[in-house]
Structures are given as structure tokens and as C-alpha cells.
């Protein structure tokens, strides 16, 4: 059965990347995809954008984030027990130095459960840390030219997952193992119905409460 991934929880109903929305999403989906970032004082928060206002998250302490957002309790990741189901952790490294990336992954190693998937647009970081993961891992991409390099990595790694922008599945050059392919982010119901008939692993959507009705 194809897996449904709730994109940052239930973002059409609850604030995205919050434990409230994430845990409610498990009523409808198999996984929840969340974004993880590192703060200045080496705390983990669930947040998609690299900045809050004019400040980068990497330059803000958790207390400063708490003030800026009025509360950060529902997005501060301290324990895997805060999340009640399987997670696709997207590791956000776009603003970080190599040292900060290392700190982020080292902290996440204590969070991952065996049923989780860790992924990133930073392919190098996944390759560097994959031997330490106790869970599945994957690379994220959204450009057709990335398919060839992904295929090369696939030839040498039978465990690697591919988190792919959904329209790339129709590319003539797409030849990645579909059983390890997850398509994102699919909110059109006709597209979802078509993809769910394919031999892919899963589909990421903002509306898992609606899309789960199409799953047989």
C-alpha cells in the first residue's frame, strides 16, 4: 500500500511544523514530513524558512525565537516522544557552516527512530552521515538534471530513498527505483489518483485528510 506523507502536518488546518498538527495528521497518514533547523544555541526547531523576520534562525537563540514567535514550545524538538508516529525529517542546512551541519546531525542521531526517514537537499551531508543512521535515508531534488546523478548514487546504494518533485516522475529520463521514490508535494486530486496507481513508495500532500480517501 502506498504511503501518505502529511506535509508539515496538517497545514490547511493547523500551524505547519507544530506538534499539534503533526500528531493530528497521523489520523490520516503514514508519515509526517517535517523541517528541522539548528538555532544559535544548538537547539532543534521545526521550521521551514531559514529566517524569522530579518534574522536567520542560525543567528537566534531559542529564547529569542520564543520572543519573536510569542511561543516556541510547539516547535522545539527535544525528544522523539513528542511525535507519535513515523517521521520524514528533512534536514535544513542551507544557511549552516560545515561545523553547524555536523552539530545538527549529531543531535538528530539521538532523535531518529528505526521507522523514520531522514532526507535533505544537501546530498553530501546524507552521504557523510548515512553509516550512523538507525533509520532509512534519502536525497531530495526538484530538477530534471539531478536525475542522472541520483541514478549514479542509486547504482551504488540499494537503500537510498529519492524524495522527488512530483512532476519529474513523468520525465523520460526518470529511471530511479520507484519502490524507494516519494513524490512531493501533491495537492491536485487527479494527480494523486494517478500517482497512487504507480509502484512508488509514497506521496507527500498538504491534505492527507482528503487524499487518504483515494487509497484502496
N, C-alpha and C. Protein backbone atom coordinates (compact mmCIF):
# COMPACT_ATOMS: atom_id res chain seq x y z
N UNK A 1 0.83 -1.19 0.00
CA UNK A 1 0.00 0.00 0.00
C UNK A 1 0.87 1.25 0.00
N UNK A 2 0.56 2.21 -0.86
CA UNK A 2 1.32 3.44 -0.93
C UNK A 2 1.22 4.22 0.37
N UNK A 3 2.32 4.83 0.76
CA UNK A 3 2.35 5.60 2.00
C UNK A 3 1.95 7.04 1.72
N UNK A 4 1.15 7.61 2.61
CA UNK A 4 0.78 9.02 2.53
C UNK A 4 1.59 9.78 3.58
N UNK A 5 2.25 10.85 3.13
CA UNK A 5 3.05 11.71 3.99
C UNK A 5 2.31 13.04 4.18
N UNK A 6 2.04 13.40 5.40
CA UNK A 6 1.46 14.70 5.68
C UNK A 6 2.55 15.77 5.64
N UNK A 7 2.41 16.74 4.75
CA UNK A 7 3.43 17.76 4.53
C UNK A 7 3.41 18.77 5.68
N UNK A 8 4.38 18.65 6.57
CA UNK A 8 4.48 19.52 7.76
C UNK A 8 3.27 19.40 8.66
N UNK A 9 2.62 18.26 8.63
CA UNK A 9 1.47 18.03 9.48
C UNK A 9 0.18 18.15 8.70
N UNK A 10 -0.73 18.97 9.21
CA UNK A 10 -1.99 19.28 8.53
C UNK A 10 -2.05 20.80 8.32
N UNK A 11 -1.26 21.31 7.36
CA UNK A 11 -1.07 22.77 7.25
C UNK A 11 -2.31 23.55 6.82
N UNK A 12 -3.32 22.86 6.31
CA UNK A 12 -4.54 23.57 5.94
C UNK A 12 -5.45 23.79 7.16
N UNK A 13 -5.11 23.11 8.26
CA UNK A 13 -5.96 23.18 9.45
C UNK A 13 -5.20 23.74 10.65
N UNK A 14 -3.95 23.26 10.83
CA UNK A 14 -3.12 23.68 11.95
C UNK A 14 -1.88 24.41 11.45
N UNK A 15 -1.24 25.14 12.34
CA UNK A 15 0.04 25.76 12.01
C UNK A 15 1.01 24.67 11.58
N UNK A 16 1.75 24.90 10.47
CA UNK A 16 2.64 23.87 9.97
C UNK A 16 3.83 23.65 10.91
N UNK A 17 4.37 22.43 10.87
CA UNK A 17 5.55 22.07 11.65
C UNK A 17 5.34 22.26 13.16
N UNK A 18 4.11 22.07 13.62
CA UNK A 18 3.84 22.09 15.06
C UNK A 18 3.44 20.70 15.51
N UNK A 19 3.78 20.38 16.74
CA UNK A 19 3.45 19.05 17.24
C UNK A 19 1.94 18.82 17.25
N UNK A 20 1.18 19.87 17.45
CA UNK A 20 -0.27 19.74 17.43
C UNK A 20 -0.74 19.22 16.07
N UNK A 21 -0.31 19.90 14.99
CA UNK A 21 -0.72 19.49 13.65
C UNK A 21 -0.09 18.18 13.22
N UNK A 22 1.16 17.97 13.61
CA UNK A 22 1.86 16.73 13.24
C UNK A 22 1.15 15.51 13.80
N UNK A 23 0.85 15.56 15.08
CA UNK A 23 0.25 14.38 15.72
C UNK A 23 -1.19 14.16 15.29
N UNK A 24 -1.90 15.23 14.97
CA UNK A 24 -3.25 15.07 14.44
C UNK A 24 -3.21 14.46 13.04
N UNK A 25 -2.16 14.76 12.27
CA UNK A 25 -2.05 14.25 10.90
C UNK A 25 -1.98 12.73 10.86
N UNK A 26 -1.50 12.11 11.93
CA UNK A 26 -1.39 10.65 11.93
C UNK A 26 -2.75 9.96 11.91
N UNK A 27 -3.82 10.72 12.09
CA UNK A 27 -5.16 10.15 11.90
C UNK A 27 -5.41 9.79 10.44
N UNK A 28 -4.60 10.39 9.53
CA UNK A 28 -4.87 10.27 8.10
C UNK A 28 -3.69 9.74 7.29
N UNK A 29 -2.49 9.76 7.84
CA UNK A 29 -1.33 9.43 7.01
C UNK A 29 -0.36 8.51 7.75
N UNK A 30 0.57 7.96 6.98
CA UNK A 30 1.55 7.00 7.50
C UNK A 30 2.79 7.68 8.04
N UNK A 31 3.15 8.79 7.44
CA UNK A 31 4.31 9.59 7.84
C UNK A 31 3.90 11.05 7.90
N UNK A 32 4.66 11.81 8.66
CA UNK A 32 4.60 13.26 8.56
C UNK A 32 5.98 13.77 8.19
N UNK A 33 6.03 14.67 7.20
CA UNK A 33 7.29 15.30 6.80
C UNK A 33 7.43 16.60 7.58
N UNK A 34 8.59 16.78 8.23
CA UNK A 34 8.86 18.00 8.99
C UNK A 34 10.23 18.55 8.62
N UNK A 35 10.42 19.84 8.86
CA UNK A 35 11.68 20.53 8.58
C UNK A 35 12.41 20.81 9.89
N UNK A 36 13.70 20.48 9.95
CA UNK A 36 14.47 20.67 11.17
C UNK A 36 15.59 21.68 10.94
N UNK A 37 15.67 22.66 11.85
CA UNK A 37 16.74 23.66 11.78
C UNK A 37 17.44 23.77 13.13
N UNK A 38 18.67 24.29 13.07
CA UNK A 38 19.51 24.47 14.25
C UNK A 38 19.55 25.94 14.64
N UNK A 39 19.38 26.20 15.93
CA UNK A 39 19.44 27.57 16.44
C UNK A 39 20.88 27.94 16.82
N UNK A 40 21.06 29.19 17.17
CA UNK A 40 22.39 29.69 17.56
C UNK A 40 22.93 28.94 18.77
N UNK A 41 22.04 28.59 19.70
CA UNK A 41 22.47 27.89 20.90
C UNK A 41 22.27 26.38 20.79
N UNK A 42 22.28 25.89 19.55
CA UNK A 42 22.29 24.45 19.25
C UNK A 42 21.05 23.71 19.73
N UNK A 43 19.91 24.37 19.64
CA UNK A 43 18.63 23.70 19.85
C UNK A 43 18.03 23.35 18.49
N UNK A 44 17.12 22.41 18.50
CA UNK A 44 16.44 21.97 17.28
C UNK A 44 15.03 22.54 17.25
N UNK A 45 14.67 23.16 16.14
CA UNK A 45 13.28 23.60 15.98
C UNK A 45 12.75 23.12 14.64
N UNK A 46 11.44 22.94 14.59
CA UNK A 46 10.76 22.55 13.36
C UNK A 46 10.29 23.83 12.67
N UNK A 47 10.95 24.15 11.55
CA UNK A 47 10.66 25.42 10.87
C UNK A 47 11.15 25.31 9.44
N UNK A 48 10.31 25.73 8.50
CA UNK A 48 10.68 25.59 7.10
C UNK A 48 11.64 26.68 6.63
N UNK A 49 11.28 27.93 6.85
CA UNK A 49 12.07 29.04 6.33
C UNK A 49 13.38 29.20 7.09
N UNK A 50 14.40 29.75 6.44
CA UNK A 50 15.69 29.92 7.12
C UNK A 50 15.72 31.09 8.08
N UNK A 51 14.69 31.93 8.02
CA UNK A 51 14.71 33.14 8.83
C UNK A 51 13.36 33.37 9.53
N UNK A 52 13.43 34.16 10.59
CA UNK A 52 12.25 34.70 11.25
C UNK A 52 12.38 36.22 11.17
N UNK A 53 11.51 36.86 10.42
CA UNK A 53 11.69 38.28 10.16
C UNK A 53 12.95 38.49 9.35
N UNK A 54 13.80 39.37 9.82
CA UNK A 54 15.05 39.67 9.12
C UNK A 54 16.23 38.86 9.64
N UNK A 55 16.00 37.99 10.60
CA UNK A 55 17.09 37.27 11.25
C UNK A 55 17.10 35.80 10.86
N UNK A 56 18.30 35.29 10.56
CA UNK A 56 18.43 33.86 10.30
C UNK A 56 18.24 33.08 11.60
N UNK A 57 17.58 31.95 11.50
CA UNK A 57 17.38 31.10 12.68
C UNK A 57 18.71 30.70 13.30
N UNK A 58 19.70 30.46 12.48
CA UNK A 58 21.01 30.06 12.99
C UNK A 58 21.67 31.15 13.83
N UNK A 59 21.18 32.38 13.71
CA UNK A 59 21.73 33.50 14.46
C UNK A 59 20.87 33.88 15.67
N UNK A 60 19.81 33.11 15.91
CA UNK A 60 18.89 33.38 17.02
C UNK A 60 18.97 32.28 18.05
N UNK A 61 18.93 32.65 19.33
CA UNK A 61 18.83 31.66 20.39
C UNK A 61 17.38 31.20 20.50
N UNK A 62 17.18 30.11 21.20
CA UNK A 62 15.81 29.61 21.38
C UNK A 62 14.97 30.64 22.13
N UNK A 63 15.57 31.32 23.08
CA UNK A 63 14.82 32.34 23.82
C UNK A 63 14.42 33.48 22.91
N UNK A 64 15.31 33.90 22.02
CA UNK A 64 14.98 34.96 21.07
C UNK A 64 13.87 34.52 20.11
N UNK A 65 13.90 33.27 19.70
CA UNK A 65 12.84 32.73 18.84
C UNK A 65 11.52 32.69 19.59
N UNK A 66 11.59 32.31 20.86
CA UNK A 66 10.39 32.26 21.70
C UNK A 66 9.74 33.64 21.79
N UNK A 67 10.56 34.67 21.90
CA UNK A 67 10.05 36.04 21.96
C UNK A 67 9.48 36.46 20.60
N UNK A 68 10.20 36.15 19.54
CA UNK A 68 9.76 36.56 18.20
C UNK A 68 8.44 35.91 17.80
N UNK A 69 8.27 34.65 18.17
CA UNK A 69 7.06 33.91 17.79
C UNK A 69 6.00 33.91 18.89
N UNK A 70 6.33 34.52 20.02
CA UNK A 70 5.49 34.56 21.22
C UNK A 70 5.48 33.24 21.96
N UNK A 71 5.76 32.16 21.26
CA UNK A 71 5.97 30.85 21.90
C UNK A 71 6.64 29.93 20.90
N UNK A 72 7.60 29.14 21.38
CA UNK A 72 8.25 28.16 20.51
C UNK A 72 8.07 26.74 21.04
N UNK A 73 7.23 26.58 22.05
CA UNK A 73 7.07 25.28 22.70
C UNK A 73 6.60 24.20 21.73
N UNK A 74 5.70 24.57 20.81
CA UNK A 74 5.10 23.58 19.92
C UNK A 74 5.97 23.25 18.71
N UNK A 75 7.17 23.86 18.63
CA UNK A 75 8.08 23.56 17.52
C UNK A 75 9.48 23.19 17.98
N UNK A 76 9.74 23.17 19.27
CA UNK A 76 11.07 22.86 19.80
C UNK A 76 11.21 21.36 20.00
N UNK A 77 12.11 20.75 19.23
CA UNK A 77 12.28 19.30 19.24
C UNK A 77 13.35 18.91 20.25
N UNK A 78 12.93 18.21 21.28
CA UNK A 78 13.86 17.75 22.31
C UNK A 78 13.84 16.25 22.50
N UNK A 79 12.76 15.59 22.06
CA UNK A 79 12.62 14.15 22.27
C UNK A 79 11.76 13.56 21.16
N UNK A 80 12.09 12.34 20.76
CA UNK A 80 11.28 11.65 19.75
C UNK A 80 9.88 11.36 20.27
N UNK A 81 9.70 11.33 21.57
CA UNK A 81 8.41 11.04 22.17
C UNK A 81 7.39 12.16 21.92
N UNK A 82 7.87 13.32 21.47
CA UNK A 82 6.94 14.41 21.14
C UNK A 82 6.11 14.11 19.90
N UNK A 83 6.58 13.19 19.08
CA UNK A 83 5.91 12.86 17.82
C UNK A 83 5.45 11.41 17.89
N UNK A 84 4.18 11.19 17.58
CA UNK A 84 3.53 9.91 17.87
C UNK A 84 3.45 8.95 16.69
N UNK A 85 4.23 9.17 15.66
CA UNK A 85 4.21 8.28 14.51
C UNK A 85 5.50 8.40 13.72
N UNK A 86 5.52 7.81 12.53
CA UNK A 86 6.72 7.82 11.69
C UNK A 86 6.93 9.18 11.05
N UNK A 87 8.20 9.57 10.97
CA UNK A 87 8.53 10.91 10.50
C UNK A 87 9.53 10.85 9.35
N UNK A 88 9.32 11.74 8.38
CA UNK A 88 10.34 12.04 7.38
C UNK A 88 10.96 13.38 7.81
N UNK A 89 12.13 13.30 8.42
CA UNK A 89 12.82 14.51 8.88
C UNK A 89 13.61 15.10 7.72
N UNK A 90 13.22 16.29 7.26
CA UNK A 90 14.02 17.00 6.27
C UNK A 90 15.01 17.89 7.01
N UNK A 91 16.29 17.64 6.81
CA UNK A 91 17.34 18.37 7.49
C UNK A 91 17.69 19.61 6.67
N UNK A 92 17.47 20.78 7.25
CA UNK A 92 17.69 22.05 6.57
C UNK A 92 19.10 22.56 6.89
N UNK A 93 19.95 22.64 5.86
CA UNK A 93 21.35 23.03 6.08
C UNK A 93 21.75 24.25 5.27
N UNK A 94 20.80 24.88 4.58
CA UNK A 94 21.14 25.88 3.56
C UNK A 94 21.90 27.09 4.08
N UNK A 95 21.77 27.41 5.36
CA UNK A 95 22.48 28.58 5.90
C UNK A 95 23.63 28.20 6.83
N UNK A 96 23.90 26.92 6.99
CA UNK A 96 24.83 26.45 8.01
C UNK A 96 26.25 26.24 7.49
N UNK A 97 27.21 26.40 8.38
CA UNK A 97 28.59 26.03 8.09
C UNK A 97 28.73 24.51 8.24
N UNK A 98 29.85 23.97 7.80
CA UNK A 98 30.08 22.53 7.94
C UNK A 98 30.05 22.11 9.41
N UNK A 99 30.60 22.93 10.28
CA UNK A 99 30.60 22.61 11.71
C UNK A 99 29.18 22.58 12.26
N UNK A 100 28.37 23.53 11.84
CA UNK A 100 26.97 23.58 12.30
C UNK A 100 26.17 22.40 11.75
N UNK A 101 26.45 22.01 10.51
CA UNK A 101 25.79 20.83 9.93
C UNK A 101 26.13 19.60 10.75
N UNK A 102 27.37 19.47 11.14
CA UNK A 102 27.80 18.33 11.96
C UNK A 102 27.05 18.32 13.28
N UNK A 103 26.92 19.47 13.92
CA UNK A 103 26.21 19.56 15.19
C UNK A 103 24.74 19.16 15.01
N UNK A 104 24.13 19.65 13.94
CA UNK A 104 22.73 19.34 13.67
C UNK A 104 22.51 17.83 13.53
N UNK A 105 23.34 17.19 12.73
CA UNK A 105 23.18 15.74 12.55
C UNK A 105 23.49 14.97 13.83
N UNK A 106 24.51 15.39 14.56
CA UNK A 106 24.84 14.69 15.80
C UNK A 106 23.69 14.75 16.79
N UNK A 107 23.01 15.87 16.84
CA UNK A 107 21.86 15.99 17.73
C UNK A 107 20.68 15.14 17.23
N UNK A 108 20.50 15.08 15.93
CA UNK A 108 19.39 14.31 15.37
C UNK A 108 19.59 12.81 15.53
N UNK A 109 20.83 12.37 15.62
CA UNK A 109 21.08 10.94 15.79
C UNK A 109 20.40 10.39 17.04
N UNK A 110 20.21 11.23 18.02
CA UNK A 110 19.52 10.81 19.24
C UNK A 110 18.01 10.90 19.14
N UNK A 111 17.51 11.38 18.01
CA UNK A 111 16.07 11.57 17.81
C UNK A 111 15.47 10.48 16.92
N UNK A 112 16.19 10.09 15.88
CA UNK A 112 15.63 9.18 14.88
C UNK A 112 15.15 7.87 15.48
N UNK A 113 13.99 7.40 14.99
CA UNK A 113 13.50 6.05 15.25
C UNK A 113 13.75 5.19 14.02
N UNK A 114 13.75 3.88 14.23
CA UNK A 114 14.06 2.95 13.13
C UNK A 114 13.08 3.09 11.96
N UNK A 115 11.85 3.47 12.22
CA UNK A 115 10.86 3.59 11.14
C UNK A 115 10.89 4.90 10.40
N UNK A 116 11.74 5.82 10.81
CA UNK A 116 11.79 7.15 10.20
C UNK A 116 12.57 7.16 8.89
N UNK A 117 12.49 8.29 8.19
CA UNK A 117 13.32 8.57 7.03
C UNK A 117 13.94 9.94 7.24
N UNK A 118 15.24 10.05 7.07
CA UNK A 118 15.92 11.34 7.13
C UNK A 118 16.34 11.71 5.72
N UNK A 119 16.10 12.96 5.32
CA UNK A 119 16.42 13.37 3.95
C UNK A 119 16.86 14.82 3.93
N UNK A 120 17.49 15.21 2.82
CA UNK A 120 17.97 16.58 2.70
C UNK A 120 18.25 16.91 1.23
N UNK A 121 18.14 18.20 0.91
CA UNK A 121 18.64 18.69 -0.37
C UNK A 121 20.16 18.65 -0.39
N UNK A 122 20.77 18.60 0.77
CA UNK A 122 22.22 18.53 0.90
C UNK A 122 22.63 17.06 0.81
N UNK A 123 22.83 16.59 -0.41
CA UNK A 123 23.14 15.18 -0.64
C UNK A 123 24.43 14.77 0.06
N UNK A 124 25.40 15.66 0.05
CA UNK A 124 26.70 15.36 0.66
C UNK A 124 26.54 15.03 2.13
N UNK A 125 25.68 15.76 2.83
CA UNK A 125 25.50 15.51 4.26
C UNK A 125 24.87 14.14 4.52
N UNK A 126 23.92 13.76 3.68
CA UNK A 126 23.30 12.43 3.82
C UNK A 126 24.33 11.34 3.58
N UNK A 127 25.13 11.51 2.56
CA UNK A 127 26.17 10.52 2.26
C UNK A 127 27.20 10.44 3.38
N UNK A 128 27.51 11.56 3.98
CA UNK A 128 28.53 11.60 5.03
C UNK A 128 28.08 10.91 6.32
N UNK A 129 26.79 11.02 6.63
CA UNK A 129 26.30 10.53 7.92
C UNK A 129 25.50 9.23 7.82
N UNK A 130 25.27 8.72 6.62
CA UNK A 130 24.34 7.59 6.47
C UNK A 130 24.76 6.35 7.26
N UNK A 131 26.06 6.15 7.44
CA UNK A 131 26.51 4.97 8.19
C UNK A 131 26.14 5.05 9.66
N UNK A 132 25.77 6.24 10.13
CA UNK A 132 25.41 6.42 11.54
C UNK A 132 23.91 6.37 11.78
N UNK A 133 23.12 6.39 10.70
CA UNK A 133 21.67 6.42 10.86
C UNK A 133 21.15 5.05 11.30
N UNK A 134 20.15 5.06 12.18
CA UNK A 134 19.45 3.84 12.54
C UNK A 134 18.12 3.73 11.79
N UNK A 135 17.95 4.60 10.79
CA UNK A 135 16.71 4.65 10.03
C UNK A 135 17.04 4.77 8.54
N UNK A 136 16.02 4.82 7.73
CA UNK A 136 16.21 4.99 6.30
C UNK A 136 16.59 6.43 5.97
N UNK A 137 17.14 6.63 4.80
CA UNK A 137 17.66 7.95 4.44
C UNK A 137 17.44 8.19 2.94
N UNK A 138 17.39 9.47 2.58
CA UNK A 138 17.15 9.79 1.19
C UNK A 138 17.64 11.17 0.81
N UNK A 139 17.65 11.42 -0.48
CA UNK A 139 18.04 12.72 -1.02
C UNK A 139 16.82 13.37 -1.66
N UNK A 140 16.79 14.71 -1.62
CA UNK A 140 15.67 15.47 -2.16
C UNK A 140 16.14 16.24 -3.40
N UNK A 141 15.31 16.26 -4.43
CA UNK A 141 15.66 17.09 -5.58
C UNK A 141 14.41 17.50 -6.35
N UNK A 142 14.57 18.58 -7.13
CA UNK A 142 13.43 19.14 -7.85
C UNK A 142 13.76 19.53 -9.29
N UNK A 143 14.92 19.10 -9.78
CA UNK A 143 15.34 19.45 -11.13
C UNK A 143 15.61 18.19 -11.95
N UNK A 144 15.24 18.24 -13.23
CA UNK A 144 15.41 17.07 -14.08
C UNK A 144 16.87 16.68 -14.22
N UNK A 145 17.77 17.67 -14.25
CA UNK A 145 19.19 17.34 -14.41
C UNK A 145 19.75 16.59 -13.21
N UNK A 146 19.05 16.62 -12.08
CA UNK A 146 19.52 15.88 -10.90
C UNK A 146 19.25 14.38 -11.00
N UNK A 147 18.38 14.00 -11.92
CA UNK A 147 18.01 12.58 -12.03
C UNK A 147 19.22 11.72 -12.34
N UNK A 148 20.11 12.19 -13.21
CA UNK A 148 21.26 11.39 -13.63
C UNK A 148 22.21 11.13 -12.48
N UNK A 149 22.49 12.16 -11.67
CA UNK A 149 23.37 11.96 -10.53
C UNK A 149 22.71 11.08 -9.48
N UNK A 150 21.41 11.25 -9.30
CA UNK A 150 20.68 10.39 -8.37
C UNK A 150 20.74 8.93 -8.80
N UNK A 151 20.64 8.71 -10.11
CA UNK A 151 20.73 7.35 -10.65
C UNK A 151 22.11 6.76 -10.37
N UNK A 152 23.15 7.57 -10.50
CA UNK A 152 24.50 7.10 -10.21
C UNK A 152 24.64 6.68 -8.76
N UNK A 153 24.07 7.48 -7.85
CA UNK A 153 24.11 7.12 -6.43
C UNK A 153 23.31 5.85 -6.17
N UNK A 154 22.19 5.71 -6.85
CA UNK A 154 21.34 4.54 -6.68
C UNK A 154 22.06 3.26 -7.08
N UNK A 155 22.90 3.36 -8.10
CA UNK A 155 23.62 2.18 -8.57
C UNK A 155 24.57 1.61 -7.52
N UNK A 156 24.95 2.45 -6.54
CA UNK A 156 25.90 2.03 -5.52
C UNK A 156 25.28 1.95 -4.13
N UNK A 157 23.96 2.20 -4.02
CA UNK A 157 23.31 2.20 -2.71
C UNK A 157 21.87 1.72 -2.85
N UNK A 158 21.64 0.48 -2.48
CA UNK A 158 20.32 -0.12 -2.62
C UNK A 158 19.34 0.33 -1.54
N UNK A 159 19.80 1.16 -0.61
CA UNK A 159 18.93 1.60 0.48
C UNK A 159 18.48 3.06 0.33
N UNK A 160 19.06 3.77 -0.62
CA UNK A 160 18.82 5.20 -0.75
C UNK A 160 17.40 5.48 -1.26
N UNK A 161 16.70 6.39 -0.56
CA UNK A 161 15.38 6.85 -0.99
C UNK A 161 15.53 8.13 -1.82
N UNK A 162 14.50 8.40 -2.62
CA UNK A 162 14.50 9.57 -3.50
C UNK A 162 13.22 10.36 -3.27
N UNK A 163 13.38 11.55 -2.73
CA UNK A 163 12.25 12.44 -2.46
C UNK A 163 12.20 13.44 -3.61
N UNK A 164 11.26 13.24 -4.52
CA UNK A 164 11.31 13.85 -5.85
C UNK A 164 10.11 14.77 -6.07
N UNK A 165 10.37 15.97 -6.60
CA UNK A 165 9.26 16.83 -7.01
C UNK A 165 8.38 16.07 -7.99
N UNK A 166 7.09 16.05 -7.75
CA UNK A 166 6.21 15.05 -8.36
C UNK A 166 6.20 15.06 -9.88
N UNK A 167 6.36 16.21 -10.52
CA UNK A 167 6.27 16.24 -11.99
C UNK A 167 7.44 15.51 -12.66
N UNK A 168 8.53 15.28 -11.93
CA UNK A 168 9.70 14.63 -12.53
C UNK A 168 9.45 13.14 -12.81
N UNK A 169 8.44 12.57 -12.17
CA UNK A 169 8.15 11.16 -12.40
C UNK A 169 7.76 10.91 -13.86
N UNK A 170 7.31 11.96 -14.56
CA UNK A 170 6.88 11.84 -15.95
C UNK A 170 8.01 12.12 -16.94
N UNK A 171 9.20 12.44 -16.43
CA UNK A 171 10.33 12.69 -17.31
C UNK A 171 10.77 11.38 -17.99
N UNK A 172 11.13 11.48 -19.24
CA UNK A 172 11.60 10.29 -19.97
C UNK A 172 12.90 9.77 -19.40
N UNK A 173 13.64 10.61 -18.69
CA UNK A 173 14.92 10.18 -18.11
C UNK A 173 14.76 9.59 -16.72
N UNK A 174 13.53 9.58 -16.20
CA UNK A 174 13.34 9.05 -14.84
C UNK A 174 13.44 7.53 -14.85
N UNK A 175 14.47 7.03 -14.18
CA UNK A 175 14.67 5.58 -14.13
C UNK A 175 15.11 5.14 -12.74
N UNK A 176 14.68 5.87 -11.74
CA UNK A 176 15.02 5.54 -10.36
C UNK A 176 14.08 4.46 -9.84
N UNK A 177 14.53 3.69 -8.86
CA UNK A 177 13.67 2.64 -8.30
C UNK A 177 12.42 3.23 -7.65
N UNK A 178 11.28 2.95 -8.23
CA UNK A 178 10.04 3.57 -7.76
C UNK A 178 9.66 3.11 -6.36
N UNK A 179 10.08 1.91 -5.98
CA UNK A 179 9.75 1.42 -4.64
C UNK A 179 10.47 2.19 -3.54
N UNK A 180 11.43 3.04 -3.94
CA UNK A 180 12.11 3.92 -2.99
C UNK A 180 11.95 5.38 -3.37
N UNK A 181 10.86 5.68 -4.09
CA UNK A 181 10.59 7.04 -4.54
C UNK A 181 9.38 7.60 -3.80
N UNK A 182 9.54 8.82 -3.29
CA UNK A 182 8.46 9.56 -2.65
C UNK A 182 8.25 10.86 -3.43
N UNK A 183 7.03 11.12 -3.86
CA UNK A 183 6.72 12.30 -4.66
C UNK A 183 6.17 13.43 -3.78
N UNK A 184 6.66 14.65 -4.02
CA UNK A 184 6.16 15.82 -3.28
C UNK A 184 5.86 16.96 -4.25
N UNK A 185 5.10 17.94 -3.85
CA UNK A 185 4.02 17.90 -2.89
C UNK A 185 2.75 17.88 -3.73
N UNK A 186 1.90 16.90 -3.54
CA UNK A 186 0.78 16.62 -4.46
C UNK A 186 -0.53 17.03 -3.81
N UNK A 187 -1.13 18.12 -4.32
CA UNK A 187 -2.40 18.60 -3.77
C UNK A 187 -3.54 18.57 -4.79
N UNK A 188 -3.21 18.18 -6.02
CA UNK A 188 -4.24 18.00 -7.03
C UNK A 188 -4.78 16.58 -6.95
N UNK A 189 -6.07 16.44 -6.80
CA UNK A 189 -6.65 15.11 -6.56
C UNK A 189 -6.50 14.20 -7.78
N UNK A 190 -6.56 14.75 -8.97
CA UNK A 190 -6.38 13.91 -10.17
C UNK A 190 -4.95 13.38 -10.24
N UNK A 191 -3.98 14.24 -9.93
CA UNK A 191 -2.58 13.79 -9.89
C UNK A 191 -2.41 12.72 -8.84
N UNK A 192 -2.97 12.94 -7.68
CA UNK A 192 -2.83 11.97 -6.59
C UNK A 192 -3.38 10.61 -7.00
N UNK A 193 -4.54 10.60 -7.62
CA UNK A 193 -5.15 9.33 -8.03
C UNK A 193 -4.27 8.62 -9.06
N UNK A 194 -3.64 9.39 -9.93
CA UNK A 194 -2.76 8.77 -10.94
C UNK A 194 -1.50 8.21 -10.29
N UNK A 195 -0.91 8.97 -9.40
CA UNK A 195 0.34 8.54 -8.77
C UNK A 195 0.13 7.33 -7.86
N UNK A 196 -1.01 7.26 -7.24
CA UNK A 196 -1.22 6.19 -6.28
C UNK A 196 -1.35 4.83 -6.99
N UNK A 197 -1.57 4.86 -8.30
CA UNK A 197 -1.61 3.63 -9.08
C UNK A 197 -0.21 3.18 -9.49
N UNK A 198 0.79 4.03 -9.29
CA UNK A 198 2.17 3.67 -9.63
C UNK A 198 2.81 2.85 -8.51
N UNK A 199 3.93 2.22 -8.83
CA UNK A 199 4.62 1.39 -7.84
C UNK A 199 5.63 2.19 -7.02
N UNK A 200 5.20 3.38 -6.58
CA UNK A 200 6.08 4.22 -5.79
C UNK A 200 5.88 3.94 -4.30
N UNK A 201 6.81 4.46 -3.49
CA UNK A 201 6.72 4.22 -2.04
C UNK A 201 5.67 5.11 -1.40
N UNK A 202 5.66 6.40 -1.78
CA UNK A 202 4.73 7.29 -1.09
C UNK A 202 4.53 8.62 -1.78
N UNK A 203 3.58 9.39 -1.23
CA UNK A 203 3.20 10.69 -1.78
C UNK A 203 3.06 11.67 -0.62
N UNK A 204 3.68 12.85 -0.79
CA UNK A 204 3.57 13.92 0.19
C UNK A 204 2.45 14.87 -0.22
N UNK A 205 1.61 15.26 0.74
CA UNK A 205 0.49 16.15 0.43
C UNK A 205 0.17 17.05 1.61
N UNK A 206 -0.36 18.24 1.29
CA UNK A 206 -0.85 19.15 2.32
C UNK A 206 -2.21 18.74 2.86
N UNK A 207 -2.89 17.84 2.14
CA UNK A 207 -4.27 17.49 2.50
C UNK A 207 -4.44 15.97 2.65
N UNK A 208 -3.69 15.36 3.56
CA UNK A 208 -3.81 13.91 3.73
C UNK A 208 -5.21 13.49 4.18
N UNK A 209 -5.94 14.39 4.84
CA UNK A 209 -7.30 14.07 5.27
C UNK A 209 -8.22 13.85 4.08
N UNK A 210 -7.94 14.54 2.98
CA UNK A 210 -8.70 14.33 1.73
C UNK A 210 -8.13 13.20 0.91
N UNK A 211 -6.82 13.17 0.75
CA UNK A 211 -6.19 12.20 -0.16
C UNK A 211 -6.31 10.77 0.34
N UNK A 212 -6.38 10.55 1.63
CA UNK A 212 -6.48 9.19 2.13
C UNK A 212 -7.76 8.50 1.68
N UNK A 213 -8.74 9.27 1.24
CA UNK A 213 -9.99 8.70 0.75
C UNK A 213 -9.79 7.96 -0.58
N UNK A 214 -8.71 8.29 -1.31
CA UNK A 214 -8.44 7.65 -2.60
C UNK A 214 -7.60 6.40 -2.49
N UNK A 215 -7.14 6.12 -1.29
CA UNK A 215 -6.28 4.95 -1.12
C UNK A 215 -7.13 3.70 -0.98
N UNK A 216 -6.80 2.69 -1.74
CA UNK A 216 -7.57 1.45 -1.72
C UNK A 216 -7.06 0.54 -0.62
